[in-house]
Protein backbone atom coordinates (compact mmCIF):
# COMPACT_ATOMS: atom_id res chain seq x y z
CA MET A 1 59.59 -40.35 21.52
CA LEU A 2 56.66 -38.73 19.72
CA GLN A 3 57.18 -41.07 16.75
CA SER A 4 56.70 -44.08 19.04
CA LEU A 5 53.16 -42.85 19.75
CA ALA A 6 52.07 -43.36 16.12
CA PRO A 7 51.86 -47.16 16.47
CA ILE A 8 49.85 -46.74 19.65
CA GLY A 9 47.38 -44.45 17.88
CA LEU A 10 47.07 -46.98 15.06
CA LEU A 11 46.48 -49.73 17.61
CA VAL A 12 43.68 -47.71 19.21
CA ILE A 13 41.96 -47.25 15.83
CA SER A 14 42.50 -50.93 15.01
CA ASN A 15 40.99 -52.03 18.30
CA ILE A 16 37.92 -49.87 17.83
CA PHE A 17 37.25 -51.67 14.54
CA MET A 18 38.07 -55.02 16.14
CA THR A 19 35.69 -54.47 19.03
CA PHE A 20 32.81 -53.53 16.75
CA ALA A 21 33.61 -56.48 14.47
CA TRP A 22 33.63 -58.97 17.33
CA TYR A 23 30.92 -57.59 19.60
CA GLY A 24 28.90 -54.94 17.74
CA HIS A 25 26.49 -57.54 16.40
CA LEU A 26 25.31 -58.39 19.93
CA LYS A 27 22.79 -55.55 19.63
CA PHE A 28 21.38 -57.16 16.47
CA LYS A 29 20.58 -60.69 17.63
CA SER A 30 17.62 -60.99 15.26
CA THR A 31 19.83 -60.30 12.22
CA ALA A 32 20.84 -63.39 10.26
CA LEU A 33 24.15 -64.86 11.33
CA TRP A 34 25.54 -64.79 7.79
CA ALA A 35 24.85 -61.03 7.62
CA VAL A 36 26.61 -60.21 10.88
CA ILE A 37 29.54 -62.40 9.85
CA LEU A 38 29.82 -60.50 6.57
CA VAL A 39 29.70 -57.12 8.32
CA SER A 40 32.18 -58.35 10.93
CA TRP A 41 34.61 -59.44 8.21
CA LEU A 42 34.31 -56.06 6.55
CA LEU A 43 35.11 -54.32 9.84
CA ALA A 44 37.98 -56.75 10.46
CA PHE A 45 39.44 -55.73 7.10
CA PHE A 46 39.71 -52.17 8.40
CA GLU A 47 41.11 -53.46 11.67
CA TYR A 48 43.97 -55.06 9.74
CA ILE A 49 44.57 -51.91 7.71
CA PHE A 50 45.58 -50.25 10.99
CA GLN A 51 46.90 -53.26 12.94
CA VAL A 52 49.56 -54.39 10.47
CA PRO A 53 51.19 -50.95 10.07
CA ALA A 54 50.96 -50.42 13.83
CA ASN A 55 52.97 -53.57 14.46
CA ARG A 56 55.39 -52.84 11.62
CA LEU A 57 56.07 -49.31 12.88
CA GLY A 58 55.90 -50.32 16.52
CA SER A 59 58.60 -52.96 16.08
CA GLU A 60 61.07 -50.10 15.56
CA TYR A 61 60.46 -48.94 19.15
CA PHE A 62 59.12 -51.96 21.06
CA SER A 63 59.78 -55.66 21.27
CA ALA A 64 57.08 -58.03 20.02
CA ALA A 65 56.15 -58.87 23.63
CA GLN A 66 55.88 -55.18 24.51
CA LEU A 67 53.70 -54.56 21.45
CA LYS A 68 51.42 -57.42 22.45
CA VAL A 69 50.98 -56.12 26.00
CA ILE A 70 50.35 -52.60 24.70
CA GLN A 71 47.75 -54.04 22.32
CA GLU A 72 46.04 -55.95 25.15
CA VAL A 73 45.87 -52.85 27.34
CA ILE A 74 44.35 -50.90 24.46
CA SER A 75 41.99 -53.77 23.63
CA LEU A 76 40.66 -54.04 27.17
CA THR A 77 40.35 -50.28 27.51
CA VAL A 78 38.44 -49.95 24.24
CA PHE A 79 36.26 -52.94 25.13
CA SER A 80 35.44 -51.52 28.56
CA VAL A 81 34.32 -48.22 27.09
CA PHE A 82 32.42 -50.08 24.34
CA SER A 83 30.64 -52.40 26.77
CA VAL A 84 29.51 -49.54 28.98
CA LEU A 85 28.54 -47.02 26.28
CA TYR A 86 27.38 -49.26 23.42
CA LEU A 87 26.19 -52.45 25.12
CA LYS A 88 24.97 -50.57 28.23
CA GLU A 89 26.71 -52.97 30.62
CA ARG A 90 27.76 -51.89 34.10
CA PHE A 91 31.41 -51.19 34.88
CA THR A 92 32.05 -53.40 37.91
CA ILE A 93 34.78 -53.59 40.50
CA ASN A 94 36.01 -56.71 38.70
CA TYR A 95 36.89 -54.53 35.71
CA PHE A 96 38.98 -52.37 38.03
CA PHE A 97 40.87 -55.36 39.43
CA ALA A 98 41.39 -56.76 35.94
CA PHE A 99 42.97 -53.45 34.93
CA LEU A 100 45.29 -53.65 37.92
CA CYS A 101 46.44 -57.05 36.69
CA ILE A 102 47.04 -55.64 33.21
CA LEU A 103 49.04 -52.77 34.69
CA GLY A 104 51.17 -55.42 36.38
CA ALA A 105 51.80 -56.97 32.97
CA VAL A 106 52.83 -53.56 31.61
CA PHE A 107 55.20 -53.06 34.53
CA PHE A 108 56.90 -56.41 34.05
CA ILE A 109 57.14 -56.31 30.24
CA PHE A 110 58.84 -52.88 30.33
CA LYS A 111 61.01 -53.58 33.40
CA LYS A 112 64.70 -53.53 32.47
């Protein structure tokens, strides 16, 4: 059981890199587009360093569909924290309802 948590930890790290690669540049709108693309690609490289092993290891414990849903839950969780703390956006009731929908996806993908 504890070994199945390793892919989840790798997915969390991967999604932190992914979120900064995709959205971190929004605080630097005056920076040249080519520069933010270059930095984003560099961050995406590190995302893949964690994402690929996470999926490889995770496939020993989860189906591909389960891995994808786990990844989406992590992605939305990381993005929510990022948008509130880094981008200074408000956490709205819509976020809460979106999370309820995602929890429904988790329920159904793991239902026997």
